[in-house]
Amino acid sequence: MRLYIMRHGDAIQYARTDAERPLSELGRRQAAGMVCHLQDEPPAQVIASPYVRAQQTCSIVCEGLGIDHFETVAGIIPDSDPLQVVKLLERYDSNSLLMVSHQPLVSTLIALLVDGSINGGYMMGTASIACLEFEMAGIGQARLQWLCHAT
């Protein structure tokens, strides 16, 4: 399976709640600019956090890829347990999946899948995408294929 893990684009600093913070203009440009990294091998399935900035990032990327549907998944918010997310990934049977989520989850999830530990982590700026490959979702089972950052 190929798993693309994407952090949402830049968001405004303040909103009524953290979940309601929308993308900034920079964040919209970042999301649109990252589509090119997914065009050669686009995901078969797409999931996103319910937070506004992740939903907006996902919509922009899906539109750019010509994908008309994505699933909102409550279990991939900023403070979700990466061990639970690994279990969640097991239910997706497509050959490729894009997950749009948040820090610190994206960094710790990559570390858990690739290195087998949540210590350390990978630098994931706004709109960064990591591409991982594995036979089955599991701790330390993935190979990091590439990591791209927004400009």
N, C-alpha and C. Protein backbone atom coordinates (compact mmCIF):
# COMPACT_ATOMS: atom_id res chain seq x y z
N MET A 1 0.84 -1.18 0.00
CA MET A 1 0.00 0.00 0.00
C MET A 1 0.88 1.24 0.00
N ARG A 2 0.40 2.23 -0.69
CA ARG A 2 1.06 3.54 -0.67
C ARG A 2 0.19 4.45 0.18
N LEU A 3 0.82 5.09 1.16
CA LEU A 3 0.12 6.03 2.05
C LEU A 3 0.76 7.39 1.93
N TYR A 4 -0.05 8.36 1.54
CA TYR A 4 0.39 9.75 1.54
C TYR A 4 -0.14 10.38 2.82
N ILE A 5 0.75 10.95 3.60
CA ILE A 5 0.36 11.65 4.82
C ILE A 5 0.64 13.13 4.58
N MET A 6 -0.41 13.94 4.64
CA MET A 6 -0.29 15.37 4.37
C MET A 6 -0.73 16.18 5.57
N ARG A 7 0.04 17.18 5.88
CA ARG A 7 -0.38 18.15 6.89
C ARG A 7 -1.17 19.25 6.17
N HIS A 8 -2.19 19.77 6.82
CA HIS A 8 -2.99 20.86 6.25
C HIS A 8 -2.12 22.07 5.93
N GLY A 9 -2.62 22.95 5.07
CA GLY A 9 -1.92 24.18 4.73
C GLY A 9 -1.97 25.18 5.88
N ASP A 10 -1.24 26.26 5.71
CA ASP A 10 -1.18 27.33 6.71
C ASP A 10 -2.58 27.82 7.04
N ALA A 11 -2.85 28.02 8.32
CA ALA A 11 -4.17 28.45 8.79
C ALA A 11 -4.06 29.78 9.53
N ILE A 12 -5.18 30.48 9.60
CA ILE A 12 -5.18 31.71 10.38
C ILE A 12 -4.97 31.35 11.85
N GLN A 13 -4.49 32.30 12.63
CA GLN A 13 -4.13 32.03 14.03
C GLN A 13 -5.31 31.89 14.97
N TYR A 14 -6.36 32.65 14.72
CA TYR A 14 -7.43 32.72 15.71
C TYR A 14 -8.80 32.42 15.09
N ALA A 15 -9.58 31.65 15.83
CA ALA A 15 -10.97 31.38 15.51
C ALA A 15 -11.64 31.05 16.84
N ARG A 16 -12.92 30.87 16.80
CA ARG A 16 -13.65 30.58 18.04
C ARG A 16 -13.10 29.33 18.73
N THR A 17 -12.78 28.30 17.93
CA THR A 17 -12.13 27.09 18.45
C THR A 17 -11.01 26.70 17.50
N ASP A 18 -10.10 25.87 17.97
CA ASP A 18 -9.02 25.40 17.11
C ASP A 18 -9.57 24.65 15.91
N ALA A 19 -10.60 23.87 16.09
CA ALA A 19 -11.19 23.10 15.01
C ALA A 19 -11.77 23.97 13.90
N GLU A 20 -12.10 25.21 14.22
CA GLU A 20 -12.74 26.11 13.26
C GLU A 20 -11.76 27.01 12.51
N ARG A 21 -10.47 26.90 12.78
CA ARG A 21 -9.50 27.76 12.10
C ARG A 21 -9.43 27.40 10.61
N PRO A 22 -9.72 28.37 9.72
CA PRO A 22 -9.64 28.09 8.29
C PRO A 22 -8.24 28.33 7.73
N LEU A 23 -8.04 27.91 6.50
CA LEU A 23 -6.78 28.18 5.82
C LEU A 23 -6.62 29.67 5.58
N SER A 24 -5.39 30.11 5.59
CA SER A 24 -5.05 31.47 5.16
C SER A 24 -4.92 31.43 3.63
N GLU A 25 -4.71 32.58 3.02
CA GLU A 25 -4.46 32.60 1.57
C GLU A 25 -3.19 31.82 1.25
N LEU A 26 -2.16 31.96 2.11
CA LEU A 26 -0.93 31.19 1.92
C LEU A 26 -1.25 29.70 1.96
N GLY A 27 -2.06 29.27 2.91
CA GLY A 27 -2.42 27.86 3.03
C GLY A 27 -3.14 27.33 1.81
N ARG A 28 -4.01 28.14 1.22
CA ARG A 28 -4.70 27.74 -0.01
C ARG A 28 -3.70 27.56 -1.16
N ARG A 29 -2.76 28.49 -1.26
CA ARG A 29 -1.73 28.38 -2.30
C ARG A 29 -0.84 27.15 -2.06
N GLN A 30 -0.49 26.92 -0.80
CA GLN A 30 0.34 25.75 -0.47
C GLN A 30 -0.36 24.46 -0.88
N ALA A 31 -1.62 24.33 -0.52
CA ALA A 31 -2.38 23.11 -0.84
C ALA A 31 -2.43 22.90 -2.35
N ALA A 32 -2.76 23.94 -3.08
CA ALA A 32 -2.83 23.84 -4.54
C ALA A 32 -1.47 23.50 -5.14
N GLY A 33 -0.43 24.05 -4.56
CA GLY A 33 0.92 23.81 -5.07
C GLY A 33 1.43 22.40 -4.84
N MET A 34 0.84 21.67 -3.91
CA MET A 34 1.30 20.31 -3.61
C MET A 34 0.63 19.26 -4.48
N VAL A 35 -0.39 19.64 -5.23
CA VAL A 35 -1.11 18.68 -6.09
C VAL A 35 -0.16 18.00 -7.07
N CYS A 36 0.80 18.73 -7.58
CA CYS A 36 1.73 18.18 -8.58
C CYS A 36 2.49 16.96 -8.06
N HIS A 37 2.69 16.88 -6.75
CA HIS A 37 3.43 15.75 -6.17
C HIS A 37 2.59 14.47 -6.12
N LEU A 38 1.30 14.60 -6.32
CA LEU A 38 0.40 13.45 -6.26
C LEU A 38 -0.14 13.05 -7.62
N GLN A 39 0.10 13.84 -8.65
CA GLN A 39 -0.51 13.61 -9.96
C GLN A 39 -0.04 12.34 -10.65
N ASP A 40 1.22 11.98 -10.52
CA ASP A 40 1.70 10.78 -11.21
C ASP A 40 1.07 9.51 -10.69
N GLU A 41 0.87 9.43 -9.39
CA GLU A 41 0.24 8.27 -8.76
C GLU A 41 -0.79 8.76 -7.74
N PRO A 42 -1.94 9.24 -8.21
CA PRO A 42 -2.93 9.80 -7.29
C PRO A 42 -3.53 8.73 -6.37
N PRO A 43 -3.97 9.14 -5.21
CA PRO A 43 -4.56 8.19 -4.27
C PRO A 43 -5.91 7.66 -4.75
N ALA A 44 -6.19 6.41 -4.43
CA ALA A 44 -7.49 5.81 -4.75
C ALA A 44 -8.55 6.22 -3.73
N GLN A 45 -8.12 6.45 -2.50
CA GLN A 45 -9.02 6.88 -1.43
C GLN A 45 -8.39 8.07 -0.72
N VAL A 46 -9.26 8.93 -0.14
CA VAL A 46 -8.79 10.13 0.55
C VAL A 46 -9.58 10.28 1.85
N ILE A 47 -8.86 10.53 2.94
CA ILE A 47 -9.50 10.80 4.23
C ILE A 47 -8.94 12.10 4.80
N ALA A 48 -9.77 12.78 5.61
CA ALA A 48 -9.34 14.05 6.20
C ALA A 48 -9.92 14.20 7.60
N SER A 49 -9.20 14.90 8.41
CA SER A 49 -9.66 15.31 9.73
C SER A 49 -10.91 16.18 9.56
N PRO A 50 -11.78 16.20 10.57
CA PRO A 50 -12.96 17.07 10.49
C PRO A 50 -12.66 18.56 10.73
N TYR A 51 -11.45 18.91 11.13
CA TYR A 51 -11.12 20.31 11.37
C TYR A 51 -11.19 21.09 10.05
N VAL A 52 -11.65 22.32 10.12
CA VAL A 52 -11.89 23.13 8.92
C VAL A 52 -10.66 23.21 8.02
N ARG A 53 -9.49 23.48 8.58
CA ARG A 53 -8.29 23.65 7.76
C ARG A 53 -7.91 22.37 7.02
N ALA A 54 -8.12 21.22 7.62
CA ALA A 54 -7.85 19.95 6.95
C ALA A 54 -8.88 19.68 5.86
N GLN A 55 -10.14 19.99 6.15
CA GLN A 55 -11.20 19.82 5.15
C GLN A 55 -10.93 20.70 3.92
N GLN A 56 -10.54 21.95 4.17
CA GLN A 56 -10.26 22.86 3.07
C GLN A 56 -9.05 22.40 2.26
N THR A 57 -7.99 21.98 2.94
CA THR A 57 -6.80 21.47 2.25
C THR A 57 -7.18 20.28 1.39
N CYS A 58 -7.92 19.37 1.96
CA CYS A 58 -8.33 18.17 1.25
C CYS A 58 -9.18 18.51 0.03
N SER A 59 -10.09 19.43 0.18
CA SER A 59 -10.94 19.84 -0.95
C SER A 59 -10.12 20.41 -2.10
N ILE A 60 -9.15 21.25 -1.78
CA ILE A 60 -8.29 21.86 -2.80
C ILE A 60 -7.49 20.78 -3.53
N VAL A 61 -6.91 19.85 -2.77
CA VAL A 61 -6.10 18.79 -3.37
C VAL A 61 -6.98 17.87 -4.21
N CYS A 62 -8.12 17.49 -3.69
CA CYS A 62 -9.02 16.61 -4.45
C CYS A 62 -9.48 17.27 -5.74
N GLU A 63 -9.81 18.54 -5.67
CA GLU A 63 -10.22 19.26 -6.88
C GLU A 63 -9.10 19.25 -7.91
N GLY A 64 -7.88 19.49 -7.46
CA GLY A 64 -6.74 19.50 -8.36
C GLY A 64 -6.44 18.15 -8.99
N LEU A 65 -6.82 17.08 -8.28
CA LEU A 65 -6.59 15.72 -8.78
C LEU A 65 -7.81 15.16 -9.52
N GLY A 66 -8.92 15.90 -9.51
CA GLY A 66 -10.13 15.39 -10.14
C GLY A 66 -10.83 14.32 -9.33
N ILE A 67 -10.63 14.34 -8.03
CA ILE A 67 -11.27 13.38 -7.12
C ILE A 67 -12.51 14.05 -6.55
N ASP A 68 -13.65 13.38 -6.64
CA ASP A 68 -14.89 14.05 -6.24
C ASP A 68 -15.40 13.67 -4.85
N HIS A 69 -14.66 12.83 -4.12
CA HIS A 69 -15.16 12.41 -2.81
C HIS A 69 -13.99 12.13 -1.86
N PHE A 70 -14.17 12.52 -0.61
CA PHE A 70 -13.24 12.11 0.43
C PHE A 70 -14.05 11.85 1.69
N GLU A 71 -13.47 11.07 2.58
CA GLU A 71 -14.13 10.67 3.83
C GLU A 71 -13.58 11.51 4.98
N THR A 72 -14.47 11.98 5.83
CA THR A 72 -14.07 12.69 7.04
C THR A 72 -13.94 11.66 8.16
N VAL A 73 -12.79 11.67 8.83
CA VAL A 73 -12.49 10.69 9.87
C VAL A 73 -12.15 11.41 11.17
N ALA A 74 -12.99 11.23 12.17
CA ALA A 74 -12.83 11.92 13.45
C ALA A 74 -11.54 11.53 14.18
N GLY A 75 -11.02 10.35 13.93
CA GLY A 75 -9.87 9.84 14.67
C GLY A 75 -8.51 10.31 14.19
N ILE A 76 -8.46 11.34 13.33
CA ILE A 76 -7.15 11.83 12.85
C ILE A 76 -7.00 13.33 13.11
N ILE A 77 -7.36 13.74 14.32
CA ILE A 77 -7.22 15.13 14.74
C ILE A 77 -5.84 15.32 15.39
N PRO A 78 -5.44 16.55 15.73
CA PRO A 78 -4.07 16.78 16.19
C PRO A 78 -3.56 15.86 17.31
N ASP A 79 -4.38 15.62 18.31
CA ASP A 79 -3.91 14.84 19.45
C ASP A 79 -4.36 13.39 19.44
N SER A 80 -4.74 12.88 18.28
CA SER A 80 -5.13 11.47 18.19
C SER A 80 -3.93 10.58 18.51
N ASP A 81 -4.22 9.42 19.03
CA ASP A 81 -3.19 8.44 19.38
C ASP A 81 -2.70 7.77 18.09
N PRO A 82 -1.40 7.91 17.76
CA PRO A 82 -0.91 7.31 16.52
C PRO A 82 -1.08 5.79 16.47
N LEU A 83 -1.06 5.13 17.61
CA LEU A 83 -1.30 3.68 17.63
C LEU A 83 -2.71 3.35 17.16
N GLN A 84 -3.67 4.17 17.54
CA GLN A 84 -5.04 3.97 17.09
C GLN A 84 -5.18 4.27 15.60
N VAL A 85 -4.42 5.23 15.12
CA VAL A 85 -4.46 5.55 13.69
C VAL A 85 -3.89 4.40 12.86
N VAL A 86 -2.85 3.74 13.35
CA VAL A 86 -2.32 2.56 12.66
C VAL A 86 -3.42 1.52 12.52
N LYS A 87 -4.17 1.28 13.58
CA LYS A 87 -5.29 0.32 13.52
C LYS A 87 -6.35 0.79 12.53
N LEU A 88 -6.61 2.08 12.53
CA LEU A 88 -7.59 2.65 11.61
C LEU A 88 -7.17 2.42 10.16
N LEU A 89 -5.89 2.56 9.86
CA LEU A 89 -5.39 2.39 8.50
C LEU A 89 -5.61 0.98 7.97
N GLU A 90 -5.68 0.01 8.86
CA GLU A 90 -5.88 -1.39 8.46
C GLU A 90 -7.20 -1.60 7.74
N ARG A 91 -8.17 -0.73 7.95
CA ARG A 91 -9.48 -0.94 7.33
C ARG A 91 -9.56 -0.43 5.89
N TYR A 92 -8.52 0.25 5.42
CA TYR A 92 -8.50 0.74 4.05
C TYR A 92 -7.78 -0.27 3.17
N ASP A 93 -8.48 -0.75 2.16
CA ASP A 93 -7.93 -1.83 1.35
C ASP A 93 -7.50 -1.40 -0.05
N SER A 94 -7.55 -0.11 -0.32
CA SER A 94 -7.10 0.33 -1.64
C SER A 94 -5.58 0.27 -1.70
N ASN A 95 -5.06 0.40 -2.91
CA ASN A 95 -3.60 0.36 -3.04
C ASN A 95 -2.94 1.69 -2.71
N SER A 96 -3.76 2.76 -2.55
CA SER A 96 -3.18 4.05 -2.16
C SER A 96 -4.22 4.91 -1.44
N LEU A 97 -3.73 5.61 -0.42
CA LEU A 97 -4.58 6.41 0.45
C LEU A 97 -3.88 7.72 0.77
N LEU A 98 -4.64 8.82 0.70
CA LEU A 98 -4.15 10.12 1.16
C LEU A 98 -4.87 10.45 2.46
N MET A 99 -4.09 10.81 3.48
CA MET A 99 -4.64 11.23 4.77
C MET A 99 -4.20 12.67 5.01
N VAL A 100 -5.17 13.58 5.19
CA VAL A 100 -4.88 14.98 5.48
C VAL A 100 -5.17 15.23 6.95
N SER A 101 -4.15 15.61 7.70
CA SER A 101 -4.29 15.73 9.15
C SER A 101 -3.43 16.87 9.68
N HIS A 102 -2.91 16.71 10.90
CA HIS A 102 -2.30 17.78 11.67
C HIS A 102 -1.04 17.32 12.39
N GLN A 103 -0.27 18.33 12.83
CA GLN A 103 0.79 18.10 13.81
C GLN A 103 0.13 18.05 15.18
N PRO A 104 0.62 17.32 16.13
CA PRO A 104 1.80 16.46 16.07
C PRO A 104 1.54 15.07 15.49
N LEU A 105 0.28 14.76 15.17
CA LEU A 105 -0.05 13.41 14.71
C LEU A 105 0.75 12.99 13.48
N VAL A 106 0.86 13.84 12.47
CA VAL A 106 1.50 13.39 11.23
C VAL A 106 2.96 13.00 11.46
N SER A 107 3.70 13.77 12.22
CA SER A 107 5.11 13.44 12.49
C SER A 107 5.26 12.16 13.29
N THR A 108 4.46 12.02 14.34
CA THR A 108 4.59 10.82 15.18
C THR A 108 4.10 9.58 14.45
N LEU A 109 3.09 9.72 13.61
CA LEU A 109 2.60 8.57 12.84
C LEU A 109 3.66 8.09 11.85
N ILE A 110 4.29 9.01 11.16
CA ILE A 110 5.36 8.62 10.23
C ILE A 110 6.47 7.90 10.99
N ALA A 111 6.90 8.46 12.11
CA ALA A 111 7.96 7.83 12.91
C ALA A 111 7.55 6.44 13.37
N LEU A 112 6.32 6.28 13.79
CA LEU A 112 5.84 4.98 14.26
C LEU A 112 5.81 3.96 13.13
N LEU A 113 5.31 4.37 11.97
CA LEU A 113 5.22 3.45 10.84
C LEU A 113 6.58 3.11 10.24
N VAL A 114 7.49 4.07 10.20
CA VAL A 114 8.80 3.86 9.57
C VAL A 114 9.84 3.35 10.56
N ASP A 115 9.95 4.02 11.70
CA ASP A 115 11.02 3.72 12.65
C ASP A 115 10.60 2.82 13.81
N GLY A 116 9.30 2.63 13.97
CA GLY A 116 8.81 1.78 15.05
C GLY A 116 8.75 2.47 16.39
N SER A 117 8.87 3.80 16.41
CA SER A 117 8.87 4.55 17.66
C SER A 117 8.24 5.91 17.42
N ILE A 118 7.58 6.46 18.44
CA ILE A 118 7.03 7.81 18.30
C ILE A 118 8.04 8.86 18.73
N ASN A 119 9.18 8.43 19.22
CA ASN A 119 10.25 9.37 19.57
C ASN A 119 10.93 9.83 18.30
N GLY A 120 11.33 11.05 18.27
CA GLY A 120 11.96 11.60 17.07
C GLY A 120 10.91 12.29 16.22
N GLY A 121 10.53 11.67 15.19
CA GLY A 121 9.53 12.27 14.31
C GLY A 121 10.15 12.84 13.06
N TYR A 122 9.31 13.28 12.19
CA TYR A 122 9.73 13.83 10.91
C TYR A 122 9.20 15.25 10.79
N MET A 123 10.02 16.13 10.25
CA MET A 123 9.61 17.52 10.06
C MET A 123 8.50 17.58 9.03
N MET A 124 7.36 18.11 9.44
CA MET A 124 6.22 18.25 8.54
C MET A 124 5.71 19.68 8.66
N GLY A 125 6.15 20.53 7.75
CA GLY A 125 5.66 21.90 7.71
C GLY A 125 4.25 21.92 7.16
N THR A 126 3.65 23.09 7.11
CA THR A 126 2.29 23.17 6.57
C THR A 126 2.30 22.73 5.12
N ALA A 127 1.33 21.87 4.79
CA ALA A 127 1.11 21.29 3.46
C ALA A 127 2.18 20.29 3.03
N SER A 128 3.09 19.90 3.92
CA SER A 128 4.08 18.86 3.58
C SER A 128 3.36 17.54 3.32
N ILE A 129 3.96 16.73 2.45
CA ILE A 129 3.43 15.40 2.15
C ILE A 129 4.56 14.39 2.26
N ALA A 130 4.28 13.30 2.98
CA ALA A 130 5.20 12.17 3.04
C ALA A 130 4.56 11.00 2.31
N CYS A 131 5.35 10.27 1.54
CA CYS A 131 4.87 9.09 0.85
C CYS A 131 5.53 7.87 1.48
N LEU A 132 4.70 6.97 2.00
CA LEU A 132 5.17 5.75 2.64
C LEU A 132 4.63 4.56 1.87
N GLU A 133 5.37 3.46 1.88
CA GLU A 133 4.90 2.22 1.29
C GLU A 133 5.10 1.09 2.28
N PHE A 134 4.12 0.17 2.29
CA PHE A 134 4.20 -1.00 3.16
C PHE A 134 3.28 -2.09 2.64
N GLU A 135 3.57 -3.32 3.05
CA GLU A 135 2.72 -4.46 2.68
C GLU A 135 1.44 -4.45 3.51
N MET A 136 1.59 -4.20 4.81
CA MET A 136 0.45 -4.06 5.70
C MET A 136 0.79 -3.03 6.76
N ALA A 137 -0.24 -2.26 7.16
CA ALA A 137 -0.02 -1.21 8.15
C ALA A 137 0.46 -1.84 9.45
N GLY A 138 1.59 -1.34 9.95
CA GLY A 138 2.11 -1.86 11.19
C GLY A 138 3.30 -1.04 11.66
N ILE A 139 3.58 -1.15 12.92
CA ILE A 139 4.68 -0.41 13.53
C ILE A 139 6.00 -0.86 12.91
N GLY A 140 6.75 0.10 12.38
CA GLY A 140 8.04 -0.18 11.78
C GLY A 140 7.98 -0.90 10.44
N GLN A 141 6.82 -0.98 9.83
CA GLN A 141 6.66 -1.75 8.59
C GLN A 141 6.76 -0.93 7.31
N ALA A 142 6.78 0.39 7.42
CA ALA A 142 6.75 1.24 6.23
C ALA A 142 8.15 1.69 5.80
N ARG A 143 8.23 2.03 4.53
CA ARG A 143 9.44 2.64 3.98
C ARG A 143 9.06 4.05 3.53
N LEU A 144 9.85 5.02 3.95
CA LEU A 144 9.62 6.39 3.50
C LEU A 144 10.17 6.50 2.09
N GLN A 145 9.29 6.81 1.12
CA GLN A 145 9.70 6.92 -0.27
C GLN A 145 10.16 8.35 -0.59
N TRP A 146 9.41 9.32 -0.10
CA TRP A 146 9.79 10.71 -0.28
C TRP A 146 9.03 11.60 0.69
N LEU A 147 9.56 12.80 0.87
CA LEU A 147 8.97 13.79 1.74
C LEU A 147 9.14 15.15 1.05
N CYS A 148 8.03 15.82 0.75
CA CYS A 148 8.07 17.11 0.06
C CYS A 148 7.45 18.19 0.93
N HIS A 149 8.06 19.35 0.91
CA HIS A 149 7.56 20.49 1.67
C HIS A 149 7.04 21.57 0.74
N ALA A 150 6.03 22.28 1.19
CA ALA A 150 5.47 23.39 0.42
C ALA A 150 6.48 24.53 0.37
N THR A 151 6.39 25.29 -0.69
CA THR A 151 7.29 26.45 -0.81
C THR A 151 6.52 27.74 -0.65
